């Protein structure tokens, strides 16, 4: 069977988010003729990291890849699929199926308004 290549096998849809390190796009898998597979089951999330902003952005992408692999198979967390680079960006591919990795690893301190590492983040760091 053909190997999954997100650069040609995904049809990019709407942008659904943007932050200081990147932007997030919905995508769905398409067949060789350019037609979408089963619309309900083959949705993906593409995250383009703004690597032109420097090493810190690339390191953020590497952390997402690391934790995405480490948390693979956990319920309600989007499964990390793969990553790839283009001339100007790092792309991360996730299945669209639940809570974002960011929401698992960080929480908003409602008093200070600062995003802080979660209990899950601390538990993973000490493993």
PDB file of N, CA and C in Angstrom:
ATOM      1  N   UNK A   1       0.829  -1.180   0.000  1.00  0.00           N
ATOM      2  CA  UNK A   1       0.000   0.000   0.000  1.00  0.00           C
ATOM      3  C   UNK A   1       0.876   1.247   0.000  1.00  0.00           C
ATOM      4  N   UNK A   2       0.277   2.331  -0.414  1.00  0.00           N
ATOM      5  CA  UNK A   2       0.984   3.606  -0.528  1.00  0.00           C
ATOM      6  C   UNK A   2       1.264   4.192   0.863  1.00  0.00           C
ATOM      7  N   UNK A   3       2.455   4.711   1.070  1.00  0.00           N
ATOM      8  CA  UNK A   3       2.821   5.355   2.324  1.00  0.00           C
ATOM      9  C   UNK A   3       2.122   6.707   2.435  1.00  0.00           C
ATOM     10  N   UNK A   4       1.606   7.014   3.620  1.00  0.00           N
ATOM     11  CA  UNK A   4       0.920   8.280   3.873  1.00  0.00           C
ATOM     12  C   UNK A   4       1.921   9.427   3.804  1.00  0.00           C
ATOM     13  N   UNK A   5       1.683  10.385   2.933  1.00  0.00           N
ATOM     14  CA  UNK A   5       2.515  11.578   2.810  1.00  0.00           C
ATOM     15  C   UNK A   5       1.606  12.795   2.933  1.00  0.00           C
ATOM     16  N   UNK A   6       1.631  13.486   4.076  1.00  0.00           N
ATOM     17  CA  UNK A   6       0.707  14.599   4.289  1.00  0.00           C
ATOM     18  C   UNK A   6       0.865  15.739   3.282  1.00  0.00           C
ATOM     19  N   UNK A   7       2.028  15.843   2.650  1.00  0.00           N
ATOM     20  CA  UNK A   7       2.224  16.923   1.684  1.00  0.00           C
ATOM     21  C   UNK A   7       1.365  16.748   0.445  1.00  0.00           C
ATOM     22  N   UNK A   8       0.972  15.504   0.146  1.00  0.00           N
ATOM     23  CA  UNK A   8       0.145  15.262  -1.048  1.00  0.00           C
ATOM     24  C   UNK A   8      -1.176  14.582  -0.715  1.00  0.00           C
ATOM     25  N   UNK A   9      -1.279  13.956   0.444  1.00  0.00           N
ATOM     26  CA  UNK A   9      -2.470  13.177   0.782  1.00  0.00           C
ATOM     27  C   UNK A   9      -3.497  13.942   1.603  1.00  0.00           C
ATOM     28  N   UNK A  10      -3.221  15.199   1.926  1.00  0.00           N
ATOM     29  CA  UNK A  10      -4.160  15.984   2.714  1.00  0.00           C
ATOM     30  C   UNK A  10      -4.618  17.219   1.949  1.00  0.00           C
ATOM     31  N   UNK A  11      -5.895  17.506   2.070  1.00  0.00           N
ATOM     32  CA  UNK A  11      -6.474  18.729   1.527  1.00  0.00           C
ATOM     33  C   UNK A  11      -6.634  19.686   2.696  1.00  0.00           C
ATOM     34  N   UNK A  12      -5.935  20.798   2.644  1.00  0.00           N
ATOM     35  CA  UNK A  12      -5.949  21.754   3.750  1.00  0.00           C
ATOM     36  C   UNK A  12      -7.217  22.594   3.669  1.00  0.00           C
ATOM     37  N   UNK A  13      -7.865  22.722   4.825  1.00  0.00           N
ATOM     38  CA  UNK A  13      -9.101  23.500   4.919  1.00  0.00           C
ATOM     39  C   UNK A  13      -8.871  24.817   5.627  1.00  0.00           C
ATOM     40  N   UNK A  14      -9.756  25.124   6.556  1.00  0.00           N
ATOM     41  CA  UNK A  14      -9.736  26.406   7.261  1.00  0.00           C
ATOM     42  C   UNK A  14      -8.648  26.469   8.322  1.00  0.00           C
ATOM     43  N   UNK A  15      -8.132  27.676   8.514  1.00  0.00           N
ATOM     44  CA  UNK A  15      -7.232  27.909   9.638  1.00  0.00           C
ATOM     45  C   UNK A  15      -8.101  28.017  10.882  1.00  0.00           C
ATOM     46  N   UNK A  16      -7.747  27.258  11.926  1.00  0.00           N
ATOM     47  CA  UNK A  16      -8.579  27.245  13.131  1.00  0.00           C
ATOM     48  C   UNK A  16      -7.887  27.849  14.349  1.00  0.00           C
ATOM     49  N   UNK A  17      -6.629  28.237  14.192  1.00  0.00           N
ATOM     50  CA  UNK A  17      -5.935  28.837  15.313  1.00  0.00           C
ATOM     51  C   UNK A  17      -4.607  29.427  14.900  1.00  0.00           C
ATOM     52  N   UNK A  18      -4.121  30.325  15.774  1.00  0.00           N
ATOM     53  CA  UNK A  18      -2.836  30.969  15.526  1.00  0.00           C
ATOM     54  C   UNK A  18      -2.275  31.407  16.865  1.00  0.00           C
ATOM     55  N   UNK A  19      -0.974  31.199  17.045  1.00  0.00           N
ATOM     56  CA  UNK A  19      -0.307  31.628  18.262  1.00  0.00           C
ATOM     57  C   UNK A  19       1.060  32.169  17.930  1.00  0.00           C
ATOM     58  N   UNK A  20       1.864  32.393  18.949  1.00  0.00           N
ATOM     59  CA  UNK A  20       3.171  32.990  18.712  1.00  0.00           C
ATOM     60  C   UNK A  20       4.134  32.028  18.021  1.00  0.00           C
ATOM     61  N   UNK A  21       3.922  30.718  18.170  1.00  0.00           N
ATOM     62  CA  UNK A  21       4.822  29.740  17.575  1.00  0.00           C
ATOM     63  C   UNK A  21       4.322  29.158  16.261  1.00  0.00           C
ATOM     64  N   UNK A  22       3.044  29.356  15.935  1.00  0.00           N
ATOM     65  CA  UNK A  22       2.557  28.755  14.701  1.00  0.00           C
ATOM     66  C   UNK A  22       1.087  28.986  14.461  1.00  0.00           C
ATOM     67  N   UNK A  23       0.592  28.305  13.433  1.00  0.00           N
ATOM     68  CA  UNK A  23      -0.828  28.377  13.104  1.00  0.00           C
ATOM     69  C   UNK A  23      -1.339  26.966  12.855  1.00  0.00           C
ATOM     70  N   UNK A  24      -2.642  26.775  13.042  1.00  0.00           N
ATOM     71  CA  UNK A  24      -3.240  25.449  12.987  1.00  0.00           C
ATOM     72  C   UNK A  24      -4.319  25.428  11.921  1.00  0.00           C
ATOM     73  N   UNK A  25      -4.296  24.372  11.120  1.00  0.00           N
ATOM     74  CA  UNK A  25      -5.217  24.226  10.000  1.00  0.00           C
ATOM     75  C   UNK A  25      -5.930  22.887  10.088  1.00  0.00           C
ATOM     76  N   UNK A  26      -7.193  22.859   9.716  1.00  0.00           N
ATOM     77  CA  UNK A  26      -7.914  21.601   9.550  1.00  0.00           C
ATOM     78  C   UNK A  26      -7.531  21.027   8.192  1.00  0.00           C
ATOM     79  N   UNK A  27      -7.565  19.705   8.083  1.00  0.00           N
ATOM     80  CA  UNK A  27      -7.266  19.043   6.814  1.00  0.00           C
ATOM     81  C   UNK A  27      -8.001  17.715   6.787  1.00  0.00           C
ATOM     82  N   UNK A  28      -8.211  17.202   5.588  1.00  0.00           N
ATOM     83  CA  UNK A  28      -8.773  15.857   5.478  1.00  0.00           C
ATOM     84  C   UNK A  28      -8.025  15.095   4.410  1.00  0.00           C
ATOM     85  N   UNK A  29      -8.000  13.803   4.623  1.00  0.00           N
ATOM     86  CA  UNK A  29      -7.259  12.934   3.711  1.00  0.00           C
ATOM     87  C   UNK A  29      -8.014  12.801   2.393  1.00  0.00           C
ATOM     88  N   UNK A  30      -7.247  12.832   1.314  1.00  0.00           N
ATOM     89  CA  UNK A  30      -7.833  12.682  -0.018  1.00  0.00           C
ATOM     90  C   UNK A  30      -7.198  11.490  -0.720  1.00  0.00           C
ATOM     91  N   UNK A  31      -7.927  10.946  -1.681  1.00  0.00           N
ATOM     92  CA  UNK A  31      -7.371   9.826  -2.447  1.00  0.00           C
ATOM     93  C   UNK A  31      -6.553  10.366  -3.613  1.00  0.00           C
ATOM     94  N   UNK A  32      -6.031   9.483  -4.439  1.00  0.00           N
ATOM     95  CA  UNK A  32      -5.167   9.899  -5.546  1.00  0.00           C
ATOM     96  C   UNK A  32      -5.899  10.778  -6.554  1.00  0.00           C
ATOM     97  N   UNK A  33      -7.225  10.674  -6.598  1.00  0.00           N
ATOM     98  CA  UNK A  33      -8.008  11.513  -7.502  1.00  0.00           C
ATOM     99  C   UNK A  33      -8.372  12.865  -6.915  1.00  0.00           C
ATOM    100  N   UNK A  34      -7.972  13.097  -5.667  1.00  0.00           N
ATOM    101  CA  UNK A  34      -8.259  14.374  -5.022  1.00  0.00           C
ATOM    102  C   UNK A  34      -9.586  14.409  -4.298  1.00  0.00           C
ATOM    103  N   UNK A  35     -10.219  13.255  -4.117  1.00  0.00           N
ATOM    104  CA  UNK A  35     -11.507  13.195  -3.428  1.00  0.00           C
ATOM    105  C   UNK A  35     -11.308  12.814  -1.971  1.00  0.00           C
ATOM    106  N   UNK A  36     -12.112  13.406  -1.097  1.00  0.00           N
ATOM    107  CA  UNK A  36     -12.008  13.120   0.331  1.00  0.00           C
ATOM    108  C   UNK A  36     -12.452  11.697   0.624  1.00  0.00           C
ATOM    109  N   UNK A  37     -11.756  11.078   1.571  1.00  0.00           N
ATOM    110  CA  UNK A  37     -12.189   9.789   2.098  1.00  0.00           C
ATOM    111  C   UNK A  37     -13.446  10.030   2.920  1.00  0.00           C
ATOM    112  N   UNK A  38     -13.847   9.054   3.717  1.00  0.00           N
ATOM    113  CA  UNK A  38     -14.997   9.189   4.604  1.00  0.00           C
ATOM    114  C   UNK A  38     -14.839  10.459   5.427  1.00  0.00           C
ATOM    115  N   UNK A  39     -15.712  11.409   5.229  1.00  0.00           N
ATOM    116  CA  UNK A  39     -15.568  12.737   5.837  1.00  0.00           C
ATOM    117  C   UNK A  39     -15.505  12.725   7.361  1.00  0.00           C
ATOM    118  N   UNK A  40     -16.129  11.778   8.001  1.00  0.00           N
ATOM    119  CA  UNK A  40     -16.140  11.789   9.449  1.00  0.00           C
ATOM    120  C   UNK A  40     -14.906  11.200  10.090  1.00  0.00           C
ATOM    121  N   UNK A  41     -14.190  10.346   9.390  1.00  0.00           N
ATOM    122  CA  UNK A  41     -13.139   9.586  10.060  1.00  0.00           C
ATOM    123  C   UNK A  41     -11.719   9.974   9.686  1.00  0.00           C
ATOM    124  N   UNK A  42     -11.526  10.745   8.660  1.00  0.00           N
ATOM    125  CA  UNK A  42     -10.155  11.029   8.228  1.00  0.00           C
ATOM    126  C   UNK A  42      -9.824  12.515   8.290  1.00  0.00           C
ATOM    127  N   UNK A  43     -10.082  13.114   9.433  1.00  0.00           N
ATOM    128  CA  UNK A  43      -9.760  14.523   9.642  1.00  0.00           C
ATOM    129  C   UNK A  43      -8.420  14.622  10.371  1.00  0.00           C
ATOM    130  N   UNK A  44      -7.672  15.633   9.990  1.00  0.00           N
ATOM    131  CA  UNK A  44      -6.354  15.869  10.569  1.00  0.00           C
ATOM    132  C   UNK A  44      -6.225  17.329  10.973  1.00  0.00           C
ATOM    133  N   UNK A  45      -5.252  17.583  11.804  1.00  0.00           N
ATOM    134  CA  UNK A  45      -4.880  18.940  12.187  1.00  0.00           C
ATOM    135  C   UNK A  45      -3.425  19.117  11.782  1.00  0.00           C
ATOM    136  N   UNK A  46      -3.159  20.187  11.042  1.00  0.00           N
ATOM    137  CA  UNK A  46      -1.792  20.528  10.644  1.00  0.00           C
ATOM    138  C   UNK A  46      -1.356  21.747  11.439  1.00  0.00           C
ATOM    139  N   UNK A  47      -0.193  21.665  12.023  1.00  0.00           N
ATOM    140  CA  UNK A  47       0.352  22.814  12.742  1.00  0.00           C
ATOM    141  C   UNK A  47       1.617  23.250  12.040  1.00  0.00           C
ATOM    142  N   UNK A  48       1.602  24.474  11.546  1.00  0.00           N
ATOM    143  CA  UNK A  48       2.790  25.043  10.903  1.00  0.00           C
ATOM    144  C   UNK A  48       3.525  25.867  11.937  1.00  0.00           C
ATOM    145  N   UNK A  49       4.765  25.472  12.225  1.00  0.00           N
ATOM    146  CA  UNK A  49       5.588  26.195  13.184  1.00  0.00           C
ATOM    147  C   UNK A  49       6.318  27.324  12.451  1.00  0.00           C
ATOM    148  N   UNK A  50       6.315  28.499  13.056  1.00  0.00           N
ATOM    149  CA  UNK A  50       6.987  29.658  12.470  1.00  0.00           C
ATOM    150  C   UNK A  50       8.495  29.574  12.724  1.00  0.00           C
ATOM    151  N   UNK A  51       9.164  28.673  12.035  1.00  0.00           N
ATOM    152  CA  UNK A  51      10.593  28.462  12.276  1.00  0.00           C
ATOM    153  C   UNK A  51      11.438  29.668  11.886  1.00  0.00           C
ATOM    154  N   UNK A  52      10.878  30.541  11.072  1.00  0.00           N
ATOM    155  CA  UNK A  52      11.614  31.763  10.721  1.00  0.00           C
ATOM    156  C   UNK A  52      11.786  32.675  11.931  1.00  0.00           C
ATOM    157  N   UNK A  53      11.059  32.401  13.014  1.00  0.00           N
ATOM    158  CA  UNK A  53      11.180  33.199  14.232  1.00  0.00           C
ATOM    159  C   UNK A  53      12.351  32.778  15.101  1.00  0.00           C
ATOM    160  N   UNK A  54      13.030  31.696  14.719  1.00  0.00           N
ATOM    161  CA  UNK A  54      14.233  31.323  15.445  1.00  0.00           C
ATOM    162  C   UNK A  54      14.187  29.948  16.074  1.00  0.00           C
ATOM    163  N   UNK A  55      15.254  29.632  16.778  1.00  0.00           N
ATOM    164  CA  UNK A  55      15.455  28.310  17.360  1.00  0.00           C
ATOM    165  C   UNK A  55      14.380  27.957  18.388  1.00  0.00           C
ATOM    166  N   UNK A  56      13.915  28.908  19.159  1.00  0.00           N
ATOM    167  CA  UNK A  56      12.909  28.618  20.192  1.00  0.00           C
ATOM    168  C   UNK A  56      11.651  28.010  19.582  1.00  0.00           C
ATOM    169  N   UNK A  57      11.278  28.462  18.411  1.00  0.00           N
ATOM    170  CA  UNK A  57      10.091  27.909  17.745  1.00  0.00           C
ATOM    171  C   UNK A  57      10.345  26.479  17.311  1.00  0.00           C
ATOM    172  N   UNK A  58      11.498  26.209  16.746  1.00  0.00           N
ATOM    173  CA  UNK A  58      11.833  24.840  16.335  1.00  0.00           C
ATOM    174  C   UNK A  58      11.878  23.921  17.565  1.00  0.00           C
ATOM    175  N   UNK A  59      12.444  24.404  18.659  1.00  0.00           N
ATOM    176  CA  UNK A  59      12.486  23.605  19.887  1.00  0.00           C
ATOM    177  C   UNK A  59      11.081  23.311  20.405  1.00  0.00           C
ATOM    178  N   UNK A  60      10.177  24.266  20.278  1.00  0.00           N
ATOM    179  CA  UNK A  60       8.785  24.042  20.659  1.00  0.00           C
ATOM    180  C   UNK A  60       8.176  22.917  19.821  1.00  0.00           C
ATOM    181  N   UNK A  61       8.474  22.906  18.540  1.00  0.00           N
ATOM    182  CA  UNK A  61       8.003  21.835  17.664  1.00  0.00           C
ATOM    183  C   UNK A  61       8.576  20.488  18.065  1.00  0.00           C
ATOM    184  N   UNK A  62       9.854  20.448  18.392  1.00  0.00           N
ATOM    185  CA  UNK A  62      10.486  19.198  18.825  1.00  0.00           C
ATOM    186  C   UNK A  62       9.829  18.680  20.110  1.00  0.00           C
ATOM    187  N   UNK A  63       9.480  19.609  21.040  1.00  0.00           N
ATOM    188  CA  UNK A  63       8.798  19.194  22.269  1.00  0.00           C
ATOM    189  C   UNK A  63       7.431  18.597  21.956  1.00  0.00           C
ATOM    190  N   UNK A  64       6.706  19.216  21.030  1.00  0.00           N
ATOM    191  CA  UNK A  64       5.395  18.677  20.660  1.00  0.00           C
ATOM    192  C   UNK A  64       5.526  17.285  20.050  1.00  0.00           C
ATOM    193  N   UNK A  65       6.541  17.092  19.238  1.00  0.00           N
ATOM    194  CA  UNK A  65       6.776  15.767  18.654  1.00  0.00           C
ATOM    195  C   UNK A  65       7.092  14.763  19.766  1.00  0.00           C
ATOM    196  N   UNK A  66       7.978  15.129  20.676  1.00  0.00           N
ATOM    197  CA  UNK A  66       8.362  14.242  21.776  1.00  0.00           C
ATOM    198  C   UNK A  66       7.148  13.834  22.608  1.00  0.00           C
ATOM    199  N   UNK A  67       6.380  14.825  23.093  1.00  0.00           N
ATOM    200  CA  UNK A  67       5.235  14.514  23.939  1.00  0.00           C
ATOM    201  C   UNK A  67       4.101  13.871  23.138  1.00  0.00           C
ATOM    202  N   UNK A  68       3.979  14.232  21.885  1.00  0.00           N
ATOM    203  CA  UNK A  68       2.973  13.590  21.038  1.00  0.00           C
ATOM    204  C   UNK A  68       3.224  12.106  20.914  1.00  0.00           C
ATOM    205  N   UNK A  69       4.477  11.724  20.766  1.00  0.00           N
ATOM    206  CA  UNK A  69       4.828  10.297  20.710  1.00  0.00           C
ATOM    207  C   UNK A  69       4.637   9.634  22.072  1.00  0.00           C
ATOM    208  N   UNK A  70       5.053  10.335  23.130  1.00  0.00           N
ATOM    209  CA  UNK A  70       4.974   9.781  24.480  1.00  0.00           C
ATOM    210  C   UNK A  70       3.521   9.554  24.919  1.00  0.00           C
ATOM    211  N   UNK A  71       2.617  10.427  24.515  1.00  0.00           N
ATOM    212  CA  UNK A  71       1.216  10.320  24.915  1.00  0.00           C
ATOM    213  C   UNK A  71       0.362   9.580  23.896  1.00  0.00           C
ATOM    214  N   UNK A  72       0.991   9.000  22.897  1.00  0.00           N
ATOM    215  CA  UNK A  72       0.255   8.281  21.858  1.00  0.00           C
ATOM    216  C   UNK A  72      -0.618   7.199  22.475  1.00  0.00           C
ATOM    217  N   UNK A  73      -1.869   7.170  22.077  1.00  0.00           N
ATOM    218  CA  UNK A  73      -2.790   6.160  22.574  1.00  0.00           C
ATOM    219  C   UNK A  73      -3.558   6.563  23.812  1.00  0.00           C
ATOM    220  N   UNK A  74      -3.243   7.715  24.395  1.00  0.00           N
ATOM    221  CA  UNK A  74      -4.002   8.190  25.544  1.00  0.00           C
ATOM    222  C   UNK A  74      -5.374   8.666  25.075  1.00  0.00           C
ATOM    223  N   UNK A  75      -6.409   8.432  25.856  1.00  0.00           N
ATOM    224  CA  UNK A  75      -7.748   8.843  25.419  1.00  0.00           C
ATOM    225  C   UNK A  75      -7.875  10.359  25.323  1.00  0.00           C
ATOM    226  N   UNK A  76      -8.613  10.779  24.326  1.00  0.00           N
ATOM    227  CA  UNK A  76      -8.993  12.181  24.135  1.00  0.00           C
ATOM    228  C   UNK A  76      -7.840  13.117  23.805  1.00  0.00           C
ATOM    229  N   UNK A  77      -6.732  12.568  23.361  1.00  0.00           N
ATOM    230  CA  UNK A  77      -5.605  13.397  22.952  1.00  0.00           C
ATOM    231  C   UNK A  77      -5.336  13.111  21.480  1.00  0.00           C
ATOM    232  N   UNK A  78      -5.239  14.159  20.703  1.00  0.00           N
ATOM    233  CA  UNK A  78      -4.983  13.997  19.273  1.00  0.00           C
ATOM    234  C   UNK A  78      -3.678  13.238  19.069  1.00  0.00           C
ATOM    235  N   UNK A  79      -3.739  12.183  18.281  1.00  0.00           N
ATOM    236  CA  UNK A  79      -2.552  11.366  18.027  1.00  0.00           C
ATOM    237  C   UNK A  79      -1.595  12.080  17.083  1.00  0.00           C
ATOM    238  N   UNK A  80      -0.344  12.178  17.494  1.00  0.00           N
ATOM    239  CA  UNK A  80       0.690  12.694  16.613  1.00  0.00           C
ATOM    240  C   UNK A  80       0.899  11.673  15.511  1.00  0.00           C
ATOM    241  N   UNK A  81       0.920  12.124  14.249  1.00  0.00           N
ATOM    242  CA  UNK A  81       1.067  11.225  13.107  1.00  0.00           C
ATOM    243  C   UNK A  81       2.483  11.287  12.565  1.00  0.00           C
ATOM    244  N   UNK A  82       2.936  12.484  12.229  1.00  0.00           N
ATOM    245  CA  UNK A  82       4.298  12.652  11.710  1.00  0.00           C
ATOM    246  C   UNK A  82       4.598  14.129  11.583  1.00  0.00           C
ATOM    247  N   UNK A  83       5.834  14.410  11.248  1.00  0.00           N
ATOM    248  CA  UNK A  83       6.244  15.791  10.985  1.00  0.00           C
ATOM    249  C   UNK A  83       7.010  15.823   9.676  1.00  0.00           C
ATOM    250  N   UNK A  84       7.080  17.011   9.105  1.00  0.00           N
ATOM    251  CA  UNK A  84       7.904  17.192   7.912  1.00  0.00           C
ATOM    252  C   UNK A  84       8.306  18.655   7.831  1.00  0.00           C
ATOM    253  N   UNK A  85       9.374  18.898   7.092  1.00  0.00           N
ATOM    254  CA  UNK A  85       9.871  20.257   6.904  1.00  0.00           C
ATOM    255  C   UNK A  85       9.692  20.680   5.457  1.00  0.00           C
ATOM    256  N   UNK A  86       9.406  21.967   5.287  1.00  0.00           N
ATOM    257  CA  UNK A  86       9.457  22.583   3.967  1.00  0.00           C
ATOM    258  C   UNK A  86      10.585  23.600   4.021  1.00  0.00           C
ATOM    259  N   UNK A  87      10.782  24.336   2.962  1.00  0.00           N
ATOM    260  CA  UNK A  87      11.888  25.301   2.937  1.00  0.00           C
ATOM    261  C   UNK A  87      11.828  26.293   4.089  1.00  0.00           C
ATOM    262  N   UNK A  88      10.618  26.685   4.499  1.00  0.00           N
ATOM    263  CA  UNK A  88      10.508  27.746   5.499  1.00  0.00           C
ATOM    264  C   UNK A  88       9.719  27.374   6.751  1.00  0.00           C
ATOM    265  N   UNK A  89       9.291  26.123   6.899  1.00  0.00           N
ATOM    266  CA  UNK A  89       8.449  25.768   8.035  1.00  0.00           C
ATOM    267  C   UNK A  89       8.650  24.333   8.477  1.00  0.00           C
ATOM    268  N   UNK A  90       8.310  24.103   9.735  1.00  0.00           N
ATOM    269  CA  UNK A  90       8.190  22.751  10.280  1.00  0.00           C
ATOM    270  C   UNK A  90       6.690  22.500  10.405  1.00  0.00           C
ATOM    271  N   UNK A  91       6.231  21.343   9.937  1.00  0.00           N
ATOM    272  CA  UNK A  91       4.819  20.985   9.984  1.00  0.00           C
ATOM    273  C   UNK A  91       4.645  19.767  10.871  1.00  0.00           C
ATOM    274  N   UNK A  92       3.637  19.814  11.750  1.00  0.00           N
ATOM    275  CA  UNK A  92       3.285  18.690  12.603  1.00  0.00           C
ATOM    276  C   UNK A  92       1.889  18.230  12.195  1.00  0.00           C
ATOM    277  N   UNK A  93       1.705  16.924  12.085  1.00  0.00           N
ATOM    278  CA  UNK A  93       0.427  16.362  11.645  1.00  0.00           C
ATOM    279  C   UNK A  93      -0.156  15.538  12.788  1.00  0.00           C
ATOM    280  N   UNK A  94      -1.399  15.835  13.147  1.00  0.00           N
ATOM    281  CA  UNK A  94      -2.121  15.129  14.194  1.00  0.00           C
ATOM    282  C   UNK A  94      -3.466  14.653  13.654  1.00  0.00           C
ATOM    283  N   UNK A  95      -3.968  13.544  14.189  1.00  0.00           N
ATOM    284  CA  UNK A  95      -5.347  13.155  13.933  1.00  0.00           C
ATOM    285  C   UNK A  95      -6.228  14.132  14.707  1.00  0.00           C
ATOM    286  N   UNK A  96      -7.328  14.528  14.128  1.00  0.00           N
ATOM    287  CA  UNK A  96      -8.272  15.410  14.818  1.00  0.00           C
ATOM    288  C   UNK A  96      -9.244  14.523  15.586  1.00  0.00           C
ATOM    289  N   UNK A  97      -9.062  14.463  16.924  1.00  0.00           N
ATOM    290  CA  UNK A  97      -9.900  13.536  17.672  1.00  0.00           C
ATOM    291  C   UNK A  97     -10.082  13.870  19.136  1.00  0.00           C
ATOM    292  N   UNK A  98      -9.672  15.023  19.567  1.00  0.00           N
ATOM    293  CA  UNK A  98      -9.875  15.305  20.981  1.00  0.00           C
ATOM    294  C   UNK A  98      -9.201  16.583  21.415  1.00  0.00           C
ATOM    295  N   UNK A  99      -8.722  16.571  22.622  1.00  0.00           N
ATOM    296  CA  UNK A  99      -8.108  17.724  23.260  1.00  0.00           C
ATOM    297  C   UNK A  99      -6.722  17.952  22.680  1.00  0.00           C
ATOM    298  N   UNK A 100      -6.337  19.216  22.545  1.00  0.00           N
ATOM    299  CA  UNK A 100      -5.002  19.506  22.033  1.00  0.00           C
ATOM    300  C   UNK A 100      -3.952  19.173  23.096  1.00  0.00           C
ATOM    301  N   UNK A 101      -2.769  18.844  22.629  1.00  0.00           N
ATOM    302  CA  UNK A 101      -1.662  18.535  23.526  1.00  0.00           C
ATOM    303  C   UNK A 101      -1.375  19.725  24.448  1.00  0.00           C
ATOM    304  N   UNK A 102      -1.485  20.911  23.917  1.00  0.00           N
ATOM    305  CA  UNK A 102      -1.266  22.116  24.723  1.00  0.00           C
ATOM    306  C   UNK A 102      -2.212  22.156  25.919  1.00  0.00           C
ATOM    307  N   UNK A 103      -3.477  21.798  25.691  1.00  0.00           N
ATOM    308  CA  UNK A 103      -4.459  21.841  26.778  1.00  0.00           C
ATOM    309  C   UNK A 103      -4.212  20.771  27.836  1.00  0.00           C
ATOM    310  N   UNK A 104      -3.506  19.702  27.490  1.00  0.00           N
ATOM    311  CA  UNK A 104      -3.158  18.665  28.458  1.00  0.00           C
ATOM    312  C   UNK A 104      -1.929  19.087  29.269  1.00  0.00           C
ATOM    313  N   UNK A 105      -0.969  19.709  28.602  1.00  0.00           N
ATOM    314  CA  UNK A 105       0.300  20.028  29.261  1.00  0.00           C
ATOM    315  C   UNK A 105       0.313  21.359  30.001  1.00  0.00           C
ATOM    316  N   UNK A 106      -0.637  22.238  29.688  1.00  0.00           N
ATOM    317  CA  UNK A 106      -0.643  23.571  30.300  1.00  0.00           C
ATOM    318  C   UNK A 106      -2.046  23.943  30.744  1.00  0.00           C
ATOM    319  N   UNK A 107      -2.125  24.836  31.718  1.00  0.00           N
ATOM    320  CA  UNK A 107      -3.419  25.368  32.131  1.00  0.00           C
ATOM    321  C   UNK A 107      -3.272  26.861  32.407  1.00  0.00           C
ATOM    322  N   UNK A 108      -4.372  27.548  32.323  1.00  0.00           N
ATOM    323  CA  UNK A 108      -4.387  28.983  32.564  1.00  0.00           C
ATOM    324  C   UNK A 108      -4.645  29.231  34.042  1.00  0.00           C
ATOM    325  N   UNK A 109      -3.722  29.926  34.704  1.00  0.00           N
ATOM    326  CA  UNK A 109      -3.917  30.343  36.077  1.00  0.00           C
ATOM    327  C   UNK A 109      -4.894  31.513  36.037  1.00  0.00           C
ATOM    328  N   UNK A 110      -6.091  31.292  36.511  1.00  0.00           N
ATOM    329  CA  UNK A 110      -7.150  32.306  36.398  1.00  0.00           C
ATOM    330  C   UNK A 110      -6.867  33.553  37.235  1.00  0.00           C
ATOM    331  N   UNK A 111      -6.071  33.420  38.266  1.00  0.00           N
ATOM    332  CA  UNK A 111      -5.733  34.570  39.100  1.00  0.00           C
ATOM    333  C   UNK A 111      -4.738  35.484  38.400  1.00  0.00           C
ATOM    334  N   UNK A 112      -3.654  34.892  37.879  1.00  0.00           N
ATOM    335  CA  UNK A 112      -2.592  35.693  37.267  1.00  0.00           C
ATOM    336  C   UNK A 112      -2.790  35.892  35.767  1.00  0.00           C
ATOM    337  N   UNK A 113      -3.572  34.996  35.134  1.00  0.00           N
ATOM    338  CA  UNK A 113      -3.732  35.066  33.685  1.00  0.00           C
ATOM    339  C   UNK A 113      -2.548  34.481  32.926  1.00  0.00           C
ATOM    340  N   UNK A 114      -1.668  33.778  33.636  1.00  0.00           N
ATOM    341  CA  UNK A 114      -0.462  33.206  33.036  1.00  0.00           C
ATOM    342  C   UNK A 114      -0.680  31.718  32.766  1.00  0.00           C
ATOM    343  N   UNK A 115      -0.235  31.267  31.609  1.00  0.00           N
ATOM    344  CA  UNK A 115      -0.298  29.850  31.264  1.00  0.00           C
ATOM    345  C   UNK A 115       0.860  29.153  31.968  1.00  0.00           C
ATOM    346  N   UNK A 116       0.545  28.054  32.679  1.00  0.00           N
ATOM    347  CA  UNK A 116       1.543  27.347  33.468  1.00  0.00           C
ATOM    348  C   UNK A 116       1.506  25.848  33.156  1.00  0.00           C
ATOM    349  N   UNK A 117       2.617  25.150  33.420  1.00  0.00           N
ATOM    350  CA  UNK A 117       2.621  23.695  33.233  1.00  0.00           C
ATOM    351  C   UNK A 117       1.573  23.033  34.129  1.00  0.00           C
ATOM    352  N   UNK A 118       0.938  21.998  33.598  1.00  0.00           N
ATOM    353  CA  UNK A 118      -0.100  21.269  34.331  1.00  0.00           C
ATOM    354  C   UNK A 118       0.511  20.170  35.187  1.00  0.00           C
ATOM    355  N   UNK A 119      -0.321  19.512  35.986  1.00  0.00           N
ATOM    356  CA  UNK A 119       0.117  18.363  36.783  1.00  0.00           C
ATOM    357  C   UNK A 119       0.609  17.248  35.843  1.00  0.00           C
ATOM    358  N   UNK A 120      -0.053  17.083  34.709  1.00  0.00           N
ATOM    359  CA  UNK A 120       0.375  16.074  33.726  1.00  0.00           C
ATOM    360  C   UNK A 120       1.770  16.393  33.228  1.00  0.00           C
ATOM    361  N   UNK A 121       2.044  17.657  32.932  1.00  0.00           N
ATOM    362  CA  UNK A 121       3.365  18.071  32.468  1.00  0.00           C
ATOM    363  C   UNK A 121       4.428  17.703  33.504  1.00  0.00           C
ATOM    364  N   UNK A 122       4.146  18.030  34.777  1.00  0.00           N
ATOM    365  CA  UNK A 122       5.113  17.729  35.840  1.00  0.00           C
ATOM    366  C   UNK A 122       5.314  16.227  35.995  1.00  0.00           C
ATOM    367  N   UNK A 123       4.232  15.454  35.899  1.00  0.00           N
ATOM    368  CA  UNK A 123       4.350  13.995  36.016  1.00  0.00           C
ATOM    369  C   UNK A 123       5.207  13.422  34.894  1.00  0.00           C
ATOM    370  N   UNK A 124       5.001  13.889  33.680  1.00  0.00           N
ATOM    371  CA  UNK A 124       5.788  13.406  32.544  1.00  0.00           C
ATOM    372  C   UNK A 124       7.247  13.810  32.661  1.00  0.00           C
ATOM    373  N   UNK A 125       7.494  14.988  33.171  1.00  0.00           N
ATOM    374  CA  UNK A 125       8.872  15.480  33.294  1.00  0.00           C
ATOM    375  C   UNK A 125       9.673  14.656  34.287  1.00  0.00           C
ATOM    376  N   UNK A 126       9.012  14.108  35.292  1.00  0.00           N
ATOM    377  CA  UNK A 126       9.729  13.356  36.319  1.00  0.00           C
ATOM    378  C   UNK A 126       9.806  11.857  36.027  1.00  0.00           C
ATOM    379  N   UNK A 127       9.176  11.392  34.927  1.00  0.00           N
ATOM    380  CA  UNK A 127       9.246   9.973  34.580  1.00  0.00           C
ATOM    381  C   UNK A 127      10.638   9.570  34.174  1.00  0.00           C
TER     382      UNK A 127
END
